[in-house]
């Protein structure tokens, strides 16, 4: 798990999720097995909502307060997307809308 935490800190949730998928493939498979195409859901989560997918896999049998951790993952994804949207005006030579 040392590799997981190091990659999360230095490279972000996408690489951390990939490393977690390599270290515990059965846990990821069990977490996504209720979907029709579990491998596709995992890849889509990796691309579009990495914090949510990572939290979902880590706290998988969701019960009790685990929903709060999943909410933090959703919040982290929303904040990362909206933060990039609002800070685009600070980029030098940006001529957007």
PDB file of N, CA and C in Angstrom:
ATOM      1  N   UNK A   1       0.807  -1.199   0.000  1.00  0.00           N
ATOM      2  CA  UNK A   1       0.000   0.000   0.000  1.00  0.00           C
ATOM      3  C   UNK A   1       0.850   1.262   0.000  1.00  0.00           C
ATOM      4  N   UNK A   2       2.130   1.111   0.241  1.00  0.00           N
ATOM      5  CA  UNK A   2       3.023   2.269   0.197  1.00  0.00           C
ATOM      6  C   UNK A   2       3.025   2.881  -1.201  1.00  0.00           C
ATOM      7  N   UNK A   3       3.026   2.036  -2.220  1.00  0.00           N
ATOM      8  CA  UNK A   3       3.008   2.531  -3.605  1.00  0.00           C
ATOM      9  C   UNK A   3       1.712   3.280  -3.895  1.00  0.00           C
ATOM     10  N   UNK A   4       0.614   2.802  -3.330  1.00  0.00           N
ATOM     11  CA  UNK A   4      -0.680   3.443  -3.552  1.00  0.00           C
ATOM     12  C   UNK A   4      -0.691   4.855  -2.988  1.00  0.00           C
ATOM     13  N   UNK A   5      -0.286   5.014  -1.738  1.00  0.00           N
ATOM     14  CA  UNK A   5      -0.313   6.340  -1.110  1.00  0.00           C
ATOM     15  C   UNK A   5       0.691   7.290  -1.756  1.00  0.00           C
ATOM     16  N   UNK A   6       1.853   6.786  -2.121  1.00  0.00           N
ATOM     17  CA  UNK A   6       2.849   7.627  -2.781  1.00  0.00           C
ATOM     18  C   UNK A   6       2.345   8.112  -4.129  1.00  0.00           C
ATOM     19  N   UNK A   7       1.742   7.223  -4.905  1.00  0.00           N
ATOM     20  CA  UNK A   7       1.221   7.640  -6.210  1.00  0.00           C
ATOM     21  C   UNK A   7       0.044   8.592  -6.055  1.00  0.00           C
ATOM     22  N   UNK A   8      -0.772   8.417  -5.014  1.00  0.00           N
ATOM     23  CA  UNK A   8      -1.893   9.325  -4.781  1.00  0.00           C
ATOM     24  C   UNK A   8      -1.393  10.725  -4.465  1.00  0.00           C
ATOM     25  N   UNK A   9      -0.370  10.819  -3.646  1.00  0.00           N
ATOM     26  CA  UNK A   9       0.155  12.127  -3.252  1.00  0.00           C
ATOM     27  C   UNK A   9       0.866  12.810  -4.413  1.00  0.00           C
ATOM     28  N   UNK A  10       1.697  12.076  -5.135  1.00  0.00           N
ATOM     29  CA  UNK A  10       2.531  12.707  -6.148  1.00  0.00           C
ATOM     30  C   UNK A  10       1.902  12.781  -7.535  1.00  0.00           C
ATOM     31  N   UNK A  11       1.042  11.838  -7.881  1.00  0.00           N
ATOM     32  CA  UNK A  11       0.536  11.793  -9.254  1.00  0.00           C
ATOM     33  C   UNK A  11      -0.974  11.910  -9.377  1.00  0.00           C
ATOM     34  N   UNK A  12      -1.704  11.895  -8.284  1.00  0.00           N
ATOM     35  CA  UNK A  12      -3.137  12.100  -8.345  1.00  0.00           C
ATOM     36  C   UNK A  12      -3.942  10.819  -8.337  1.00  0.00           C
ATOM     37  N   UNK A  13      -5.259  10.963  -8.447  1.00  0.00           N
ATOM     38  CA  UNK A  13      -6.149   9.814  -8.260  1.00  0.00           C
ATOM     39  C   UNK A  13      -6.144   8.815  -9.417  1.00  0.00           C
ATOM     40  N   UNK A  14      -5.830   9.260 -10.620  1.00  0.00           N
ATOM     41  CA  UNK A  14      -5.884   8.325 -11.748  1.00  0.00           C
ATOM     42  C   UNK A  14      -4.804   7.255 -11.641  1.00  0.00           C
ATOM     43  N   UNK A  15      -3.583   7.667 -11.393  1.00  0.00           N
ATOM     44  CA  UNK A  15      -2.509   6.690 -11.253  1.00  0.00           C
ATOM     45  C   UNK A  15      -2.688   5.870  -9.979  1.00  0.00           C
ATOM     46  N   UNK A  16      -3.176   6.498  -8.916  1.00  0.00           N
ATOM     47  CA  UNK A  16      -3.419   5.757  -7.677  1.00  0.00           C
ATOM     48  C   UNK A  16      -4.478   4.681  -7.892  1.00  0.00           C
ATOM     49  N   UNK A  17      -5.525   5.004  -8.663  1.00  0.00           N
ATOM     50  CA  UNK A  17      -6.559   4.007  -8.951  1.00  0.00           C
ATOM     51  C   UNK A  17      -5.992   2.865  -9.788  1.00  0.00           C
ATOM     52  N   UNK A  18      -5.140   3.179 -10.755  1.00  0.00           N
ATOM     53  CA  UNK A  18      -4.513   2.125 -11.561  1.00  0.00           C
ATOM     54  C   UNK A  18      -3.642   1.217 -10.703  1.00  0.00           C
ATOM     55  N   UNK A  19      -2.865   1.807  -9.810  1.00  0.00           N
ATOM     56  CA  UNK A  19      -2.012   0.999  -8.938  1.00  0.00           C
ATOM     57  C   UNK A  19      -2.865   0.157  -7.995  1.00  0.00           C
ATOM     58  N   UNK A  20      -3.941   0.733  -7.478  1.00  0.00           N
ATOM     59  CA  UNK A  20      -4.844  -0.037  -6.619  1.00  0.00           C
ATOM     60  C   UNK A  20      -5.474  -1.185  -7.405  1.00  0.00           C
ATOM     61  N   UNK A  21      -5.801  -0.942  -8.664  1.00  0.00           N
ATOM     62  CA  UNK A  21      -6.372  -1.981  -9.523  1.00  0.00           C
ATOM     63  C   UNK A  21      -5.361  -3.101  -9.746  1.00  0.00           C
ATOM     64  N   UNK A  22      -4.076  -2.755  -9.860  1.00  0.00           N
ATOM     65  CA  UNK A  22      -3.042  -3.773 -10.034  1.00  0.00           C
ATOM     66  C   UNK A  22      -2.749  -4.519  -8.733  1.00  0.00           C
ATOM     67  N   UNK A  23      -2.820  -3.823  -7.588  1.00  0.00           N
ATOM     68  CA  UNK A  23      -2.519  -4.462  -6.308  1.00  0.00           C
ATOM     69  C   UNK A  23      -3.672  -5.316  -5.791  1.00  0.00           C
ATOM     70  N   UNK A  24      -4.898  -4.904  -6.029  1.00  0.00           N
ATOM     71  CA  UNK A  24      -6.065  -5.636  -5.527  1.00  0.00           C
ATOM     72  C   UNK A  24      -7.111  -5.781  -6.629  1.00  0.00           C
ATOM     73  N   UNK A  25      -6.806  -6.568  -7.662  1.00  0.00           N
ATOM     74  CA  UNK A  25      -7.757  -6.667  -8.782  1.00  0.00           C
ATOM     75  C   UNK A  25      -9.080  -7.325  -8.396  1.00  0.00           C
ATOM     76  N   UNK A  26      -9.060  -8.226  -7.438  1.00  0.00           N
ATOM     77  CA  UNK A  26     -10.313  -8.871  -7.040  1.00  0.00           C
ATOM     78  C   UNK A  26     -11.248  -7.908  -6.327  1.00  0.00           C
ATOM     79  N   UNK A  27     -10.695  -7.027  -5.512  1.00  0.00           N
ATOM     80  CA  UNK A  27     -11.545  -6.059  -4.813  1.00  0.00           C
ATOM     81  C   UNK A  27     -12.198  -5.104  -5.810  1.00  0.00           C
ATOM     82  N   UNK A  28     -11.450  -4.689  -6.826  1.00  0.00           N
ATOM     83  CA  UNK A  28     -12.016  -3.808  -7.853  1.00  0.00           C
ATOM     84  C   UNK A  28     -13.065  -4.563  -8.661  1.00  0.00           C
ATOM     85  N   UNK A  29     -12.790  -5.824  -8.977  1.00  0.00           N
ATOM     86  CA  UNK A  29     -13.753  -6.622  -9.737  1.00  0.00           C
ATOM     87  C   UNK A  29     -15.041  -6.838  -8.948  1.00  0.00           C
ATOM     88  N   UNK A  30     -14.922  -7.098  -7.656  1.00  0.00           N
ATOM     89  CA  UNK A  30     -16.113  -7.297  -6.822  1.00  0.00           C
ATOM     90  C   UNK A  30     -16.897  -5.997  -6.687  1.00  0.00           C
ATOM     91  N   UNK A  31     -16.194  -4.878  -6.602  1.00  0.00           N
ATOM     92  CA  UNK A  31     -16.877  -3.591  -6.449  1.00  0.00           C
ATOM     93  C   UNK A  31     -17.705  -3.244  -7.679  1.00  0.00           C
ATOM     94  N   UNK A  32     -17.208  -3.587  -8.852  1.00  0.00           N
ATOM     95  CA  UNK A  32     -17.898  -3.211 -10.085  1.00  0.00           C
ATOM     96  C   UNK A  32     -18.687  -4.354 -10.716  1.00  0.00           C
ATOM     97  N   UNK A  33     -18.790  -5.515 -10.070  1.00  0.00           N
ATOM     98  CA  UNK A  33     -19.430  -6.665 -10.710  1.00  0.00           C
ATOM     99  C   UNK A  33     -20.937  -6.520 -10.867  1.00  0.00           C
ATOM    100  N   UNK A  34     -21.563  -5.625 -10.138  1.00  0.00           N
ATOM    101  CA  UNK A  34     -23.013  -5.482 -10.252  1.00  0.00           C
ATOM    102  C   UNK A  34     -23.427  -4.714 -11.504  1.00  0.00           C
ATOM    103  N   UNK A  35     -22.486  -4.106 -12.193  1.00  0.00           N
ATOM    104  CA  UNK A  35     -22.782  -3.397 -13.434  1.00  0.00           C
ATOM    105  C   UNK A  35     -22.719  -4.370 -14.607  1.00  0.00           C
ATOM    106  N   UNK A  36     -23.324  -4.004 -15.739  1.00  0.00           N
ATOM    107  CA  UNK A  36     -23.346  -4.896 -16.894  1.00  0.00           C
ATOM    108  C   UNK A  36     -21.957  -5.126 -17.477  1.00  0.00           C
ATOM    109  N   UNK A  37     -21.193  -4.077 -17.644  1.00  0.00           N
ATOM    110  CA  UNK A  37     -19.829  -4.181 -18.156  1.00  0.00           C
ATOM    111  C   UNK A  37     -18.875  -3.635 -17.097  1.00  0.00           C
ATOM    112  N   UNK A  38     -18.459  -4.474 -16.135  1.00  0.00           N
ATOM    113  CA  UNK A  38     -17.685  -3.950 -15.004  1.00  0.00           C
ATOM    114  C   UNK A  38     -16.354  -3.339 -15.403  1.00  0.00           C
ATOM    115  N   UNK A  39     -15.674  -3.904 -16.385  1.00  0.00           N
ATOM    116  CA  UNK A  39     -14.388  -3.341 -16.790  1.00  0.00           C
ATOM    117  C   UNK A  39     -14.581  -1.977 -17.432  1.00  0.00           C
ATOM    118  N   UNK A  40     -15.678  -1.790 -18.163  1.00  0.00           N
ATOM    119  CA  UNK A  40     -15.949  -0.505 -18.798  1.00  0.00           C
ATOM    120  C   UNK A  40     -16.303   0.560 -17.755  1.00  0.00           C
ATOM    121  N   UNK A  41     -17.054   0.173 -16.736  1.00  0.00           N
ATOM    122  CA  UNK A  41     -17.397   1.115 -15.666  1.00  0.00           C
ATOM    123  C   UNK A  41     -16.136   1.542 -14.926  1.00  0.00           C
ATOM    124  N   UNK A  42     -15.220   0.611 -14.697  1.00  0.00           N
ATOM    125  CA  UNK A  42     -13.963   0.952 -14.048  1.00  0.00           C
ATOM    126  C   UNK A  42     -13.129   1.915 -14.867  1.00  0.00           C
ATOM    127  N   UNK A  43     -13.056   1.689 -16.158  1.00  0.00           N
ATOM    128  CA  UNK A  43     -12.279   2.580 -17.032  1.00  0.00           C
ATOM    129  C   UNK A  43     -12.952   3.941 -17.157  1.00  0.00           C
ATOM    130  N   UNK A  44     -14.277   3.969 -17.263  1.00  0.00           N
ATOM    131  CA  UNK A  44     -14.981   5.255 -17.335  1.00  0.00           C
ATOM    132  C   UNK A  44     -14.822   6.040 -16.035  1.00  0.00           C
ATOM    133  N   UNK A  45     -14.866   5.342 -14.912  1.00  0.00           N
ATOM    134  CA  UNK A  45     -14.622   6.007 -13.639  1.00  0.00           C
ATOM    135  C   UNK A  45     -13.208   6.538 -13.552  1.00  0.00           C
ATOM    136  N   UNK A  46     -12.274   5.791 -14.084  1.00  0.00           N
ATOM    137  CA  UNK A  46     -10.877   6.222 -14.101  1.00  0.00           C
ATOM    138  C   UNK A  46     -10.692   7.471 -14.942  1.00  0.00           C
ATOM    139  N   UNK A  47     -11.390   7.572 -16.046  1.00  0.00           N
ATOM    140  CA  UNK A  47     -11.227   8.715 -16.951  1.00  0.00           C
ATOM    141  C   UNK A  47     -12.017   9.929 -16.474  1.00  0.00           C
ATOM    142  N   UNK A  48     -13.290   9.757 -16.143  1.00  0.00           N
ATOM    143  CA  UNK A  48     -14.166  10.902 -15.895  1.00  0.00           C
ATOM    144  C   UNK A  48     -14.365  11.263 -14.423  1.00  0.00           C
ATOM    145  N   UNK A  49     -14.319  10.301 -13.527  1.00  0.00           N
ATOM    146  CA  UNK A  49     -14.557  10.580 -12.103  1.00  0.00           C
ATOM    147  C   UNK A  49     -13.580   9.767 -11.251  1.00  0.00           C
ATOM    148  N   UNK A  50     -12.297  10.108 -11.293  1.00  0.00           N
ATOM    149  CA  UNK A  50     -11.308   9.263 -10.612  1.00  0.00           C
ATOM    150  C   UNK A  50     -11.442   9.246  -9.094  1.00  0.00           C
ATOM    151  N   UNK A  51     -11.760  10.373  -8.471  1.00  0.00           N
ATOM    152  CA  UNK A  51     -11.902  10.388  -7.012  1.00  0.00           C
ATOM    153  C   UNK A  51     -13.097   9.554  -6.579  1.00  0.00           C
ATOM    154  N   UNK A  52     -14.198   9.643  -7.306  1.00  0.00           N
ATOM    155  CA  UNK A  52     -15.392   8.878  -6.959  1.00  0.00           C
ATOM    156  C   UNK A  52     -15.145   7.385  -7.136  1.00  0.00           C
ATOM    157  N   UNK A  53     -14.516   7.002  -8.236  1.00  0.00           N
ATOM    158  CA  UNK A  53     -14.226   5.588  -8.470  1.00  0.00           C
ATOM    159  C   UNK A  53     -13.272   5.044  -7.415  1.00  0.00           C
ATOM    160  N   UNK A  54     -12.279   5.828  -7.058  1.00  0.00           N
ATOM    161  CA  UNK A  54     -11.322   5.398  -6.043  1.00  0.00           C
ATOM    162  C   UNK A  54     -12.001   5.218  -4.687  1.00  0.00           C
ATOM    163  N   UNK A  55     -12.825   6.173  -4.293  1.00  0.00           N
ATOM    164  CA  UNK A  55     -13.537   6.050  -3.020  1.00  0.00           C
ATOM    165  C   UNK A  55     -14.519   4.879  -3.043  1.00  0.00           C
ATOM    166  N   UNK A  56     -15.191   4.672  -4.167  1.00  0.00           N
ATOM    167  CA  UNK A  56     -16.152   3.575  -4.268  1.00  0.00           C
ATOM    168  C   UNK A  56     -15.466   2.230  -4.082  1.00  0.00           C
ATOM    169  N   UNK A  57     -14.306   2.065  -4.686  1.00  0.00           N
ATOM    170  CA  UNK A  57     -13.598   0.792  -4.583  1.00  0.00           C
ATOM    171  C   UNK A  57     -13.018   0.598  -3.182  1.00  0.00           C
ATOM    172  N   UNK A  58     -12.518   1.658  -2.574  1.00  0.00           N
ATOM    173  CA  UNK A  58     -11.898   1.528  -1.252  1.00  0.00           C
ATOM    174  C   UNK A  58     -12.935   1.178  -0.183  1.00  0.00           C
ATOM    175  N   UNK A  59     -14.096   1.813  -0.215  1.00  0.00           N
ATOM    176  CA  UNK A  59     -15.114   1.578   0.825  1.00  0.00           C
ATOM    177  C   UNK A  59     -16.252   0.707   0.303  1.00  0.00           C
ATOM    178  N   UNK A  60     -15.949  -0.245  -0.605  1.00  0.00           N
ATOM    179  CA  UNK A  60     -16.987  -0.886  -1.406  1.00  0.00           C
ATOM    180  C   UNK A  60     -18.224  -1.382  -0.680  1.00  0.00           C
ATOM    181  N   UNK A  61     -18.209  -2.307   0.219  1.00  0.00           N
ATOM    182  CA  UNK A  61     -19.541  -2.656   0.701  1.00  0.00           C
ATOM    183  C   UNK A  61     -20.120  -1.450   1.437  1.00  0.00           C
ATOM    184  N   UNK A  62     -20.817  -0.604   0.697  1.00  0.00           N
ATOM    185  CA  UNK A  62     -21.302   0.671   1.238  1.00  0.00           C
ATOM    186  C   UNK A  62     -22.361   0.435   2.302  1.00  0.00           C
ATOM    187  N   UNK A  63     -22.054   0.865   3.499  1.00  0.00           N
ATOM    188  CA  UNK A  63     -23.017   0.793   4.594  1.00  0.00           C
ATOM    189  C   UNK A  63     -22.658   1.854   5.620  1.00  0.00           C
ATOM    190  N   UNK A  64     -23.639   2.335   6.298  1.00  0.00           N
ATOM    191  CA  UNK A  64     -23.406   3.318   7.351  1.00  0.00           C
ATOM    192  C   UNK A  64     -22.837   4.630   6.829  1.00  0.00           C
ATOM    193  N   UNK A  65     -21.723   5.028   7.402  1.00  0.00           N
ATOM    194  CA  UNK A  65     -21.109   6.309   7.059  1.00  0.00           C
ATOM    195  C   UNK A  65     -20.207   6.240   5.825  1.00  0.00           C
ATOM    196  N   UNK A  66     -20.135   5.100   5.172  1.00  0.00           N
ATOM    197  CA  UNK A  66     -19.326   5.000   3.956  1.00  0.00           C
ATOM    198  C   UNK A  66     -19.860   5.894   2.848  1.00  0.00           C
ATOM    199  N   UNK A  67     -21.145   6.207   2.896  1.00  0.00           N
ATOM    200  CA  UNK A  67     -21.725   7.099   1.897  1.00  0.00           C
ATOM    201  C   UNK A  67     -21.127   8.498   1.997  1.00  0.00           C
ATOM    202  N   UNK A  68     -20.686   8.871   3.188  1.00  0.00           N
ATOM    203  CA  UNK A  68     -20.042  10.182   3.356  1.00  0.00           C
ATOM    204  C   UNK A  68     -18.720  10.210   2.600  1.00  0.00           C
ATOM    205  N   UNK A  69     -17.949   9.112   2.677  1.00  0.00           N
ATOM    206  CA  UNK A  69     -16.686   9.055   1.934  1.00  0.00           C
ATOM    207  C   UNK A  69     -16.933   9.109   0.426  1.00  0.00           C
ATOM    208  N   UNK A  70     -17.980   8.434  -0.021  1.00  0.00           N
ATOM    209  CA  UNK A  70     -18.323   8.496  -1.441  1.00  0.00           C
ATOM    210  C   UNK A  70     -18.743   9.911  -1.829  1.00  0.00           C
ATOM    211  N   UNK A  71     -19.444  10.594  -0.950  1.00  0.00           N
ATOM    212  CA  UNK A  71     -19.800  11.997  -1.183  1.00  0.00           C
ATOM    213  C   UNK A  71     -18.570  12.883  -1.273  1.00  0.00           C
ATOM    214  N   UNK A  72     -17.549  12.614  -0.441  1.00  0.00           N
ATOM    215  CA  UNK A  72     -16.289  13.365  -0.539  1.00  0.00           C
ATOM    216  C   UNK A  72     -15.616  13.128  -1.889  1.00  0.00           C
ATOM    217  N   UNK A  73     -15.699  11.902  -2.396  1.00  0.00           N
ATOM    218  CA  UNK A  73     -15.132  11.615  -3.713  1.00  0.00           C
ATOM    219  C   UNK A  73     -15.850  12.374  -4.815  1.00  0.00           C
ATOM    220  N   UNK A  74     -17.177  12.400  -4.753  1.00  0.00           N
ATOM    221  CA  UNK A  74     -17.957  13.157  -5.736  1.00  0.00           C
ATOM    222  C   UNK A  74     -17.635  14.640  -5.638  1.00  0.00           C
ATOM    223  N   UNK A  75     -17.550  15.141  -4.412  1.00  0.00           N
ATOM    224  CA  UNK A  75     -17.214  16.549  -4.202  1.00  0.00           C
ATOM    225  C   UNK A  75     -15.824  16.877  -4.747  1.00  0.00           C
ATOM    226  N   UNK A  76     -14.860  15.989  -4.542  1.00  0.00           N
ATOM    227  CA  UNK A  76     -13.508  16.226  -5.057  1.00  0.00           C
ATOM    228  C   UNK A  76     -13.500  16.266  -6.584  1.00  0.00           C
ATOM    229  N   UNK A  77     -14.288  15.397  -7.229  1.00  0.00           N
ATOM    230  CA  UNK A  77     -14.371  15.435  -8.693  1.00  0.00           C
ATOM    231  C   UNK A  77     -15.011  16.725  -9.182  1.00  0.00           C
ATOM    232  N   UNK A  78     -16.094  17.128  -8.554  1.00  0.00           N
ATOM    233  CA  UNK A  78     -16.779  18.359  -8.966  1.00  0.00           C
ATOM    234  C   UNK A  78     -15.875  19.568  -8.763  1.00  0.00           C
ATOM    235  N   UNK A  79     -15.186  19.624  -7.630  1.00  0.00           N
ATOM    236  CA  UNK A  79     -14.299  20.754  -7.348  1.00  0.00           C
ATOM    237  C   UNK A  79     -13.129  20.789  -8.326  1.00  0.00           C
ATOM    238  N   UNK A  80     -12.586  19.639  -8.683  1.00  0.00           N
ATOM    239  CA  UNK A  80     -11.459  19.643  -9.616  1.00  0.00           C
ATOM    240  C   UNK A  80     -11.888  20.100 -11.010  1.00  0.00           C
ATOM    241  N   UNK A  81     -13.094  19.708 -11.443  1.00  0.00           N
ATOM    242  CA  UNK A  81     -13.559  20.167 -12.752  1.00  0.00           C
ATOM    243  C   UNK A  81     -13.938  21.647 -12.743  1.00  0.00           C
ATOM    244  N   UNK A  82     -14.636  22.099 -11.718  1.00  0.00           N
ATOM    245  CA  UNK A  82     -15.047  23.506 -11.691  1.00  0.00           C
ATOM    246  C   UNK A  82     -13.878  24.428 -11.405  1.00  0.00           C
ATOM    247  N   UNK A  83     -12.896  23.969 -10.643  1.00  0.00           N
ATOM    248  CA  UNK A  83     -11.716  24.795 -10.390  1.00  0.00           C
ATOM    249  C   UNK A  83     -10.934  25.064 -11.662  1.00  0.00           C
ATOM    250  N   UNK A  84     -10.804  24.065 -12.501  1.00  0.00           N
ATOM    251  CA  UNK A  84     -10.134  24.269 -13.779  1.00  0.00           C
ATOM    252  C   UNK A  84     -10.923  25.181 -14.696  1.00  0.00           C
ATOM    253  N   UNK A  85     -12.241  25.099 -14.635  1.00  0.00           N
ATOM    254  CA  UNK A  85     -13.081  25.944 -15.474  1.00  0.00           C
ATOM    255  C   UNK A  85     -12.979  27.406 -15.061  1.00  0.00           C
ATOM    256  N   UNK A  86     -12.988  27.675 -13.764  1.00  0.00           N
ATOM    257  CA  UNK A  86     -12.964  29.061 -13.292  1.00  0.00           C
ATOM    258  C   UNK A  86     -11.574  29.692 -13.363  1.00  0.00           C
ATOM    259  N   UNK A  87     -10.535  28.886 -13.335  1.00  0.00           N
ATOM    260  CA  UNK A  87      -9.180  29.439 -13.368  1.00  0.00           C
ATOM    261  C   UNK A  87      -8.615  29.543 -14.775  1.00  0.00           C
ATOM    262  N   UNK A  88      -9.384  29.213 -15.786  1.00  0.00           N
ATOM    263  CA  UNK A  88      -8.862  29.289 -17.149  1.00  0.00           C
ATOM    264  C   UNK A  88      -8.579  30.722 -17.575  1.00  0.00           C
ATOM    265  N   UNK A  89      -9.242  31.702 -16.952  1.00  0.00           N
ATOM    266  CA  UNK A  89      -9.010  33.107 -17.300  1.00  0.00           C
ATOM    267  C   UNK A  89      -7.631  33.576 -16.848  1.00  0.00           C
ATOM    268  N   UNK A  90      -7.020  32.890 -15.901  1.00  0.00           N
ATOM    269  CA  UNK A  90      -5.715  33.282 -15.386  1.00  0.00           C
ATOM    270  C   UNK A  90      -4.566  32.795 -16.258  1.00  0.00           C
ATOM    271  N   UNK A  91      -4.867  31.987 -17.254  1.00  0.00           N
ATOM    272  CA  UNK A  91      -3.829  31.481 -18.146  1.00  0.00           C
ATOM    273  C   UNK A  91      -3.410  32.598 -19.092  1.00  0.00           C
ATOM    274  N   UNK A  92      -2.098  32.857 -19.202  1.00  0.00           N
ATOM    275  CA  UNK A  92      -1.656  33.920 -20.105  1.00  0.00           C
ATOM    276  C   UNK A  92      -2.063  33.633 -21.555  1.00  0.00           C
ATOM    277  N   UNK A  93      -2.467  34.664 -22.243  1.00  0.00           N
ATOM    278  CA  UNK A  93      -2.834  34.616 -23.665  1.00  0.00           C
ATOM    279  C   UNK A  93      -4.078  33.778 -23.934  1.00  0.00           C
ATOM    280  N   UNK A  94      -4.939  33.602 -22.932  1.00  0.00           N
ATOM    281  CA  UNK A  94      -6.180  32.868 -23.139  1.00  0.00           C
ATOM    282  C   UNK A  94      -7.176  33.783 -23.830  1.00  0.00           C
ATOM    283  N   UNK A  95      -7.724  33.339 -24.950  1.00  0.00           N
ATOM    284  CA  UNK A  95      -8.678  34.162 -25.707  1.00  0.00           C
ATOM    285  C   UNK A  95     -10.007  33.432 -25.845  1.00  0.00           C
ATOM    286  N   UNK A  96     -10.467  32.824 -24.793  1.00  0.00           N
ATOM    287  CA  UNK A  96     -11.713  32.060 -24.829  1.00  0.00           C
ATOM    288  C   UNK A  96     -12.938  32.946 -24.863  1.00  0.00           C
ATOM    289  N   UNK A  97     -14.096  32.343 -24.651  1.00  0.00           N
ATOM    290  CA  UNK A  97     -15.361  33.083 -24.752  1.00  0.00           C
ATOM    291  C   UNK A  97     -15.516  34.205 -23.772  1.00  0.00           C
TER     292      UNK A  97
END
